[in-house]
């Protein structure tokens, strides 16, 4: 693994960690044929995390906090 790929993986992990910090009350999950979107509404912005790998998206969904309200969108 090159250093640029390692840096990308580290920064992606940090972004997901920050995203989970935002997920305090509810998250909406929209599944498309090409990607899965996790949407979190905060007071000012709507944050959207787009994942193209379905397996990673399912793993991320399983790791959401248990008290979090999850709504599946069509």
N, C-alpha and C. Protein backbone atom coordinates (compact mmCIF):
# COMPACT_ATOMS: atom_id res chain seq x y z
N UNK A 1 0.86 -1.18 0.00
CA UNK A 1 0.00 0.00 0.00
C UNK A 1 0.89 1.23 0.00
N UNK A 2 0.63 2.13 -0.91
CA UNK A 2 1.43 3.35 -0.97
C UNK A 2 0.99 4.30 0.13
N UNK A 3 1.83 5.29 0.38
CA UNK A 3 1.53 6.24 1.45
C UNK A 3 0.29 7.07 1.12
N UNK A 4 0.05 7.36 -0.16
CA UNK A 4 -1.14 8.14 -0.51
C UNK A 4 -2.41 7.33 -0.27
N UNK A 5 -2.38 6.01 -0.55
CA UNK A 5 -3.54 5.17 -0.27
C UNK A 5 -3.77 5.05 1.22
N UNK A 6 -2.68 4.94 1.98
CA UNK A 6 -2.79 4.85 3.44
C UNK A 6 -3.36 6.14 4.01
N UNK A 7 -2.93 7.28 3.47
CA UNK A 7 -3.44 8.58 3.92
C UNK A 7 -4.93 8.69 3.60
N UNK A 8 -5.34 8.22 2.41
CA UNK A 8 -6.75 8.26 2.04
C UNK A 8 -7.58 7.39 2.98
N UNK A 9 -7.10 6.19 3.29
CA UNK A 9 -7.83 5.29 4.19
C UNK A 9 -7.95 5.91 5.58
N UNK A 10 -6.88 6.56 6.05
CA UNK A 10 -6.92 7.19 7.37
C UNK A 10 -7.89 8.35 7.38
N UNK A 11 -7.86 9.18 6.34
CA UNK A 11 -8.77 10.33 6.31
C UNK A 11 -10.22 9.87 6.16
N UNK A 12 -10.46 8.79 5.42
CA UNK A 12 -11.81 8.26 5.29
C UNK A 12 -12.32 7.75 6.63
N UNK A 13 -11.45 7.07 7.37
CA UNK A 13 -11.84 6.57 8.69
C UNK A 13 -12.17 7.73 9.62
N UNK A 14 -11.42 8.81 9.54
CA UNK A 14 -11.69 9.98 10.37
C UNK A 14 -13.03 10.61 10.00
N UNK A 15 -13.32 10.67 8.70
CA UNK A 15 -14.60 11.24 8.27
C UNK A 15 -15.77 10.42 8.78
N UNK A 16 -15.66 9.10 8.72
CA UNK A 16 -16.73 8.24 9.21
C UNK A 16 -16.88 8.40 10.72
N UNK A 17 -15.75 8.55 11.42
CA UNK A 17 -15.79 8.76 12.87
C UNK A 17 -16.52 10.07 13.20
N UNK A 18 -16.22 11.13 12.46
CA UNK A 18 -16.90 12.41 12.67
C UNK A 18 -18.38 12.30 12.31
N UNK A 19 -18.68 11.52 11.29
CA UNK A 19 -20.07 11.33 10.88
C UNK A 19 -20.86 10.65 11.99
N UNK A 20 -20.27 9.64 12.62
CA UNK A 20 -20.94 8.97 13.74
C UNK A 20 -21.15 9.93 14.90
N UNK A 21 -20.24 10.86 15.09
CA UNK A 21 -20.40 11.84 16.16
C UNK A 21 -21.63 12.71 15.91
N UNK A 22 -21.93 12.97 14.64
CA UNK A 22 -23.12 13.77 14.29
C UNK A 22 -24.41 12.97 14.49
N UNK A 23 -24.33 11.67 14.35
CA UNK A 23 -25.51 10.79 14.44
C UNK A 23 -25.95 10.65 15.88
N UNK A 24 -26.68 11.57 16.37
CA UNK A 24 -27.13 11.48 17.76
C UNK A 24 -28.59 11.10 17.86
N UNK A 25 -29.41 11.55 16.91
CA UNK A 25 -30.85 11.28 17.04
C UNK A 25 -31.38 10.36 15.96
N UNK A 26 -31.13 10.65 14.70
CA UNK A 26 -31.72 9.85 13.63
C UNK A 26 -30.85 9.86 12.38
N UNK A 27 -30.96 8.80 11.61
CA UNK A 27 -30.28 8.69 10.33
C UNK A 27 -31.25 8.09 9.32
N UNK A 28 -31.20 8.59 8.09
CA UNK A 28 -32.02 8.05 7.01
C UNK A 28 -31.08 7.34 6.04
N UNK A 29 -31.48 6.15 5.60
CA UNK A 29 -30.65 5.35 4.69
C UNK A 29 -31.39 5.20 3.38
N UNK A 30 -30.75 5.64 2.30
CA UNK A 30 -31.33 5.54 0.95
C UNK A 30 -30.47 4.59 0.13
N UNK A 31 -31.08 3.50 -0.33
CA UNK A 31 -30.37 2.51 -1.12
C UNK A 31 -30.71 2.69 -2.59
N UNK A 32 -29.69 2.93 -3.41
CA UNK A 32 -29.83 3.00 -4.86
C UNK A 32 -29.16 1.77 -5.46
N UNK A 33 -29.23 1.62 -6.77
CA UNK A 33 -28.59 0.44 -7.36
C UNK A 33 -27.07 0.59 -7.38
N UNK A 34 -26.54 1.81 -7.38
CA UNK A 34 -25.10 2.02 -7.44
C UNK A 34 -24.47 2.34 -6.09
N UNK A 35 -25.24 2.89 -5.15
CA UNK A 35 -24.65 3.31 -3.88
C UNK A 35 -25.69 3.29 -2.76
N UNK A 36 -25.19 3.54 -1.55
CA UNK A 36 -26.04 3.66 -0.37
C UNK A 36 -25.70 4.99 0.28
N UNK A 37 -26.73 5.77 0.61
CA UNK A 37 -26.52 7.08 1.21
C UNK A 37 -27.03 7.08 2.65
N UNK A 38 -26.21 7.56 3.56
CA UNK A 38 -26.58 7.75 4.96
C UNK A 38 -26.76 9.25 5.16
N UNK A 39 -27.95 9.68 5.58
CA UNK A 39 -28.26 11.11 5.70
C UNK A 39 -28.56 11.46 7.15
N UNK A 40 -27.92 12.53 7.62
CA UNK A 40 -28.11 13.01 8.99
C UNK A 40 -28.48 14.49 8.92
N UNK A 41 -29.59 14.86 9.51
CA UNK A 41 -30.02 16.26 9.55
C UNK A 41 -29.55 16.89 10.85
N UNK A 42 -28.78 17.96 10.72
CA UNK A 42 -28.39 18.76 11.88
C UNK A 42 -29.16 20.07 11.79
N UNK A 43 -28.91 20.97 12.72
CA UNK A 43 -29.70 22.20 12.76
C UNK A 43 -29.52 23.05 11.51
N UNK A 44 -28.32 23.04 10.92
CA UNK A 44 -28.07 23.91 9.78
C UNK A 44 -27.90 23.15 8.46
N UNK A 45 -27.28 21.99 8.51
CA UNK A 45 -26.94 21.27 7.28
C UNK A 45 -27.49 19.85 7.29
N UNK A 46 -27.63 19.29 6.10
CA UNK A 46 -27.92 17.87 5.93
C UNK A 46 -26.61 17.22 5.49
N UNK A 47 -26.09 16.33 6.30
CA UNK A 47 -24.84 15.65 6.00
C UNK A 47 -25.17 14.32 5.34
N UNK A 48 -24.51 14.04 4.21
CA UNK A 48 -24.74 12.81 3.47
C UNK A 48 -23.43 12.08 3.27
N UNK A 49 -23.41 10.82 3.65
CA UNK A 49 -22.27 9.95 3.43
C UNK A 49 -22.66 8.95 2.35
N UNK A 50 -21.93 8.94 1.23
CA UNK A 50 -22.24 8.07 0.10
C UNK A 50 -21.21 6.95 0.06
N UNK A 51 -21.70 5.71 0.07
CA UNK A 51 -20.82 4.54 0.02
C UNK A 51 -21.22 3.70 -1.19
N UNK A 52 -20.23 3.41 -2.05
CA UNK A 52 -20.52 2.64 -3.27
C UNK A 52 -20.43 1.14 -3.05
N UNK A 53 -19.76 0.70 -2.00
CA UNK A 53 -19.62 -0.73 -1.71
C UNK A 53 -20.76 -1.17 -0.79
N UNK A 54 -21.61 -2.06 -1.29
CA UNK A 54 -22.80 -2.49 -0.53
C UNK A 54 -22.43 -3.23 0.76
N UNK A 55 -21.35 -4.02 0.73
CA UNK A 55 -20.94 -4.76 1.93
C UNK A 55 -20.47 -3.81 3.02
N UNK A 56 -19.70 -2.79 2.64
CA UNK A 56 -19.24 -1.81 3.63
C UNK A 56 -20.42 -1.02 4.19
N UNK A 57 -21.38 -0.73 3.34
CA UNK A 57 -22.56 0.00 3.80
C UNK A 57 -23.35 -0.82 4.81
N UNK A 58 -23.47 -2.11 4.56
CA UNK A 58 -24.20 -2.98 5.49
C UNK A 58 -23.45 -3.09 6.82
N UNK A 59 -22.12 -3.15 6.75
CA UNK A 59 -21.31 -3.21 7.96
C UNK A 59 -21.44 -1.91 8.75
N UNK A 60 -21.47 -0.79 8.04
CA UNK A 60 -21.65 0.51 8.68
C UNK A 60 -23.03 0.61 9.33
N UNK A 61 -24.03 0.09 8.66
CA UNK A 61 -25.40 0.09 9.21
C UNK A 61 -25.46 -0.73 10.49
N UNK A 62 -24.78 -1.87 10.52
CA UNK A 62 -24.76 -2.73 11.71
C UNK A 62 -24.04 -2.06 12.87
N UNK A 63 -23.09 -1.17 12.58
CA UNK A 63 -22.30 -0.54 13.64
C UNK A 63 -22.90 0.77 14.15
N UNK A 64 -24.09 1.14 13.67
CA UNK A 64 -24.75 2.34 14.18
C UNK A 64 -25.13 2.14 15.64
N UNK A 65 -25.13 3.21 16.43
CA UNK A 65 -25.50 3.08 17.84
C UNK A 65 -26.91 2.52 18.01
N UNK A 66 -27.14 1.70 19.04
CA UNK A 66 -28.44 1.03 19.20
C UNK A 66 -29.61 1.97 19.48
N UNK A 67 -29.39 3.12 20.10
CA UNK A 67 -30.48 4.03 20.41
C UNK A 67 -30.85 4.95 19.27
N UNK A 68 -30.18 4.83 18.15
CA UNK A 68 -30.38 5.72 17.01
C UNK A 68 -31.59 5.28 16.19
N UNK A 69 -32.44 6.24 15.84
CA UNK A 69 -33.60 5.94 15.00
C UNK A 69 -33.14 5.85 13.54
N UNK A 70 -33.38 4.70 12.92
CA UNK A 70 -32.96 4.47 11.53
C UNK A 70 -34.21 4.38 10.67
N UNK A 71 -34.24 5.20 9.61
CA UNK A 71 -35.37 5.19 8.69
C UNK A 71 -34.85 4.82 7.30
N UNK A 72 -35.43 3.78 6.71
CA UNK A 72 -35.05 3.34 5.37
C UNK A 72 -35.92 4.07 4.34
N UNK A 73 -35.29 4.72 3.39
CA UNK A 73 -36.01 5.42 2.32
C UNK A 73 -36.02 4.56 1.07
N UNK A 74 -37.00 4.78 0.20
CA UNK A 74 -37.06 4.02 -1.06
C UNK A 74 -36.04 4.51 -2.03
